[in-house]
Amino acid sequence: TRVLPAVPVPPRSVVIERYPPAPEKPRKK
């Protein structure tokens, strides 16, 4: 069930999708 997308995705995924040209955020982590 954890693999299912029903679970609330973390904000990191949302930021990457909203800011595709900003790979510095996920990369810095």
N, C-alpha and C. Protein backbone atom coordinates (compact mmCIF):
# COMPACT_ATOMS: atom_id res chain seq x y z
N THR A 1 0.87 -1.22 0.00
CA THR A 1 0.00 0.00 0.00
C THR A 1 0.89 1.25 0.00
N ARG A 2 2.08 1.13 0.49
CA ARG A 2 2.96 2.33 0.57
C ARG A 2 3.34 2.74 -0.88
N VAL A 3 3.50 1.78 -1.73
CA VAL A 3 3.91 2.11 -3.12
C VAL A 3 2.77 2.86 -3.84
N LEU A 4 1.56 2.61 -3.39
CA LEU A 4 0.40 3.27 -4.04
C LEU A 4 0.52 4.79 -3.94
N PRO A 5 0.04 5.51 -4.93
CA PRO A 5 0.10 6.98 -4.92
C PRO A 5 -0.96 7.58 -4.00
N ALA A 6 -1.72 6.70 -3.35
CA ALA A 6 -2.79 7.20 -2.45
C ALA A 6 -2.15 7.93 -1.26
N VAL A 7 -0.93 7.53 -0.90
CA VAL A 7 -0.27 8.17 0.25
C VAL A 7 0.08 9.62 -0.10
N PRO A 8 0.12 10.50 0.89
CA PRO A 8 0.45 11.92 0.66
C PRO A 8 1.93 12.10 0.31
N VAL A 9 2.20 12.46 -0.92
CA VAL A 9 3.60 12.64 -1.35
C VAL A 9 4.23 13.80 -0.59
N PRO A 10 5.53 13.75 -0.39
CA PRO A 10 6.25 14.81 0.34
C PRO A 10 6.26 16.11 -0.47
N PRO A 11 6.51 17.24 0.19
CA PRO A 11 6.53 18.55 -0.49
C PRO A 11 7.67 18.64 -1.49
N ARG A 12 8.70 17.83 -1.30
CA ARG A 12 9.86 17.87 -2.24
C ARG A 12 9.35 17.54 -3.65
N SER A 13 8.54 16.52 -3.78
CA SER A 13 8.04 16.14 -5.11
C SER A 13 7.23 17.29 -5.70
N VAL A 14 6.43 17.92 -4.88
CA VAL A 14 5.58 19.01 -5.38
C VAL A 14 6.46 20.17 -5.86
N VAL A 15 7.50 20.47 -5.10
CA VAL A 15 8.38 21.59 -5.47
C VAL A 15 9.07 21.29 -6.80
N ILE A 16 9.53 20.06 -6.96
CA ILE A 16 10.22 19.69 -8.21
C ILE A 16 9.25 19.80 -9.39
N GLU A 17 8.02 19.38 -9.16
CA GLU A 17 7.03 19.44 -10.27
C GLU A 17 6.66 20.90 -10.55
N ARG A 18 6.60 21.69 -9.53
CA ARG A 18 6.19 23.11 -9.70
C ARG A 18 7.40 23.90 -10.21
N TYR A 19 8.57 23.52 -9.78
CA TYR A 19 9.77 24.25 -10.22
C TYR A 19 10.72 23.30 -10.96
N PRO A 20 10.33 22.85 -12.15
CA PRO A 20 11.16 21.91 -12.91
C PRO A 20 12.54 22.51 -13.23
N PRO A 21 12.63 23.81 -13.48
CA PRO A 21 13.91 24.43 -13.82
C PRO A 21 14.75 24.70 -12.57
N ALA A 22 14.32 24.20 -11.41
CA ALA A 22 15.08 24.46 -10.17
C ALA A 22 15.56 23.15 -9.56
N PRO A 23 16.47 22.45 -10.23
CA PRO A 23 16.98 21.16 -9.73
C PRO A 23 17.95 21.37 -8.56
N GLU A 24 18.21 22.63 -8.22
CA GLU A 24 19.15 22.90 -7.12
C GLU A 24 18.55 22.48 -5.78
N LYS A 25 17.23 22.57 -5.65
CA LYS A 25 16.57 22.21 -4.36
C LYS A 25 16.77 20.71 -4.06
N PRO A 26 16.31 19.83 -4.93
CA PRO A 26 16.43 18.39 -4.70
C PRO A 26 17.89 17.93 -4.74
N ARG A 27 18.69 18.63 -5.51
CA ARG A 27 20.11 18.23 -5.65
C ARG A 27 20.86 18.59 -4.35
N LYS A 28 20.57 19.74 -3.79
CA LYS A 28 21.27 20.15 -2.57
C LYS A 28 21.00 19.13 -1.44
N LYS A 29 19.76 18.61 -1.42
CA LYS A 29 19.41 17.63 -0.36
C LYS A 29 20.25 16.38 -0.58
